[in-house]
Amino acid sequence: MDEVLKRRIHKIRKMNDSIKRRVEIYSTLGTLDDRGTARALGSLQRAPAPGRKIQKIGFILFLAPEPFTTVAGVPMIIAGKYLDKVYNGSTIADIGHEAKNFARNVSDIKDKMR
């Protein structure tokens, strides 16, 4: 029993170290000076959310008083909801936050097991 517990603690420690390295990489990615890298990271930091935009346009068309726009607005709202599910608007900052939260949870578990 003691050996199994030691193996699990060792596994959690390795996972915690891996998460810390990953968080460091994500944090240093934002400090690179290369123009192409900065442009690519900028697009990751401002991830487009096409579903939200289409959904907003659909609601505007749906609420417009003309009869044609009401018919065109409903499919746009549905398409926007579908695109929201398919394309998430997560950015690299969101990934970093989730990695930090996960690292904090793993270290809490490790501290409780001691």
Protein backbone atom coordinates (compact mmCIF):
# COMPACT_ATOMS: atom_id res chain seq x y z
CA MET A 1 0.00 0.00 0.00
CA ASP A 2 2.82 2.35 0.92
CA GLU A 3 4.60 1.63 -2.38
CA VAL A 4 1.46 2.37 -4.40
CA LEU A 5 1.02 5.68 -2.60
CA LYS A 6 4.66 6.61 -3.25
CA ARG A 7 4.26 5.85 -6.94
CA ARG A 8 1.15 8.03 -7.14
CA ILE A 9 2.87 10.91 -5.34
CA HIS A 10 5.84 10.59 -7.71
CA LYS A 11 3.49 10.65 -10.69
CA ILE A 12 1.74 13.77 -9.38
CA ARG A 13 5.10 15.48 -8.83
CA LYS A 14 6.17 14.73 -12.40
CA MET A 15 2.84 16.06 -13.67
CA ASN A 16 3.24 19.20 -11.56
CA ASP A 17 6.74 19.81 -12.95
CA SER A 18 5.46 19.35 -16.48
CA ILE A 19 2.65 21.83 -15.89
CA LYS A 20 5.06 24.39 -14.45
CA ARG A 21 7.30 24.10 -17.52
CA ARG A 22 4.27 24.50 -19.78
CA VAL A 23 3.14 27.62 -17.94
CA GLU A 24 6.65 29.08 -18.25
CA ILE A 25 6.62 28.44 -21.99
CA TYR A 26 3.23 30.11 -22.39
CA SER A 27 4.36 33.14 -20.41
CA THR A 28 7.63 33.52 -22.37
CA LEU A 29 5.87 33.20 -25.73
CA GLY A 30 4.39 36.66 -25.28
CA THR A 31 7.80 38.28 -24.85
CA LEU A 32 9.30 37.24 -28.19
CA ASP A 33 10.47 40.10 -30.43
CA ASP A 34 10.16 38.43 -33.84
CA ARG A 35 7.63 40.32 -36.00
CA GLY A 36 6.04 37.21 -37.53
CA THR A 37 5.81 35.47 -34.19
CA ALA A 38 4.34 38.57 -32.60
CA ARG A 39 1.71 38.76 -35.36
CA ALA A 40 0.81 35.08 -34.93
CA LEU A 41 0.60 35.42 -31.16
CA GLY A 42 -1.46 38.59 -31.58
CA SER A 43 -4.01 36.65 -33.60
CA LEU A 44 -4.07 34.03 -30.86
CA GLN A 45 -4.61 36.72 -28.24
CA ARG A 46 -7.48 38.21 -30.23
CA ALA A 47 -9.18 35.03 -31.37
CA PRO A 48 -12.17 35.74 -33.59
CA ALA A 49 -15.58 34.61 -32.49
CA PRO A 50 -17.50 34.33 -35.78
CA GLY A 51 -20.51 32.72 -34.13
CA ARG A 52 -21.13 35.68 -31.85
CA LYS A 53 -20.89 38.16 -34.71
CA ILE A 54 -23.25 36.21 -36.95
CA GLN A 55 -25.64 35.75 -34.05
CA LYS A 56 -25.67 39.51 -33.32
CA ILE A 57 -26.30 40.33 -36.97
CA GLY A 58 -29.10 37.73 -37.01
CA PHE A 59 -30.76 39.33 -33.98
CA ILE A 60 -30.48 42.78 -35.58
CA LEU A 61 -32.06 41.48 -38.77
CA PHE A 62 -34.73 39.59 -36.81
CA LEU A 63 -35.73 42.72 -34.92
CA ALA A 64 -35.79 44.91 -38.04
CA PRO A 65 -39.33 45.77 -39.13
CA GLU A 66 -39.01 44.59 -42.74
CA PRO A 67 -40.43 41.10 -43.55
CA PHE A 68 -37.39 39.84 -45.51
CA THR A 69 -34.94 40.54 -42.71
CA THR A 70 -37.01 38.50 -40.24
CA VAL A 71 -36.79 35.47 -42.52
CA ALA A 72 -33.03 35.96 -42.98
CA GLY A 73 -32.35 36.65 -39.30
CA VAL A 74 -33.56 33.34 -37.86
CA PRO A 75 -31.13 31.11 -39.85
CA MET A 76 -28.31 33.50 -38.99
CA ILE A 77 -29.08 33.15 -35.27
CA ILE A 78 -29.10 29.36 -35.57
CA ALA A 79 -25.87 29.37 -37.61
CA GLY A 80 -24.26 31.65 -35.03
CA LYS A 81 -25.20 29.28 -32.20
CA TYR A 82 -23.75 26.34 -34.18
CA LEU A 83 -20.51 28.19 -34.94
CA ASP A 84 -20.23 29.14 -31.29
CA LYS A 85 -20.19 25.45 -30.40
CA VAL A 86 -17.77 24.47 -33.19
CA TYR A 87 -15.26 27.36 -33.05
CA ASN A 88 -14.35 28.38 -29.55
CA GLY A 89 -12.93 31.82 -29.02
CA SER A 90 -10.29 30.74 -26.55
CA THR A 91 -7.04 32.65 -26.63
CA ILE A 92 -3.56 31.76 -25.50
CA ALA A 93 -4.20 33.72 -22.30
CA ASP A 94 -7.15 31.42 -21.55
CA ILE A 95 -4.91 28.40 -22.06
CA GLY A 96 -2.33 29.88 -19.69
CA HIS A 97 -4.98 30.61 -17.04
CA GLU A 98 -6.35 27.08 -17.26
CA ALA A 99 -2.84 25.61 -17.03
CA LYS A 100 -2.16 27.71 -13.91
CA ASN A 101 -5.46 26.63 -12.34
CA PHE A 102 -4.68 23.00 -13.10
CA ALA A 103 -1.18 23.37 -11.63
CA ARG A 104 -2.65 24.92 -8.49
CA ASN A 105 -5.13 22.04 -8.15
CA VAL A 106 -2.41 19.43 -8.61
CA SER A 107 -0.19 21.09 -6.01
CA ASP A 108 -3.14 21.26 -3.60
CA ILE A 109 -3.73 17.54 -4.05
CA LYS A 110 -0.04 16.85 -3.58
CA ASP A 111 0.04 18.94 -0.37
CA LYS A 112 -3.00 17.13 1.02
CA MET A 113 -1.42 13.73 0.35
CA ARG A 114 1.66 14.53 2.47
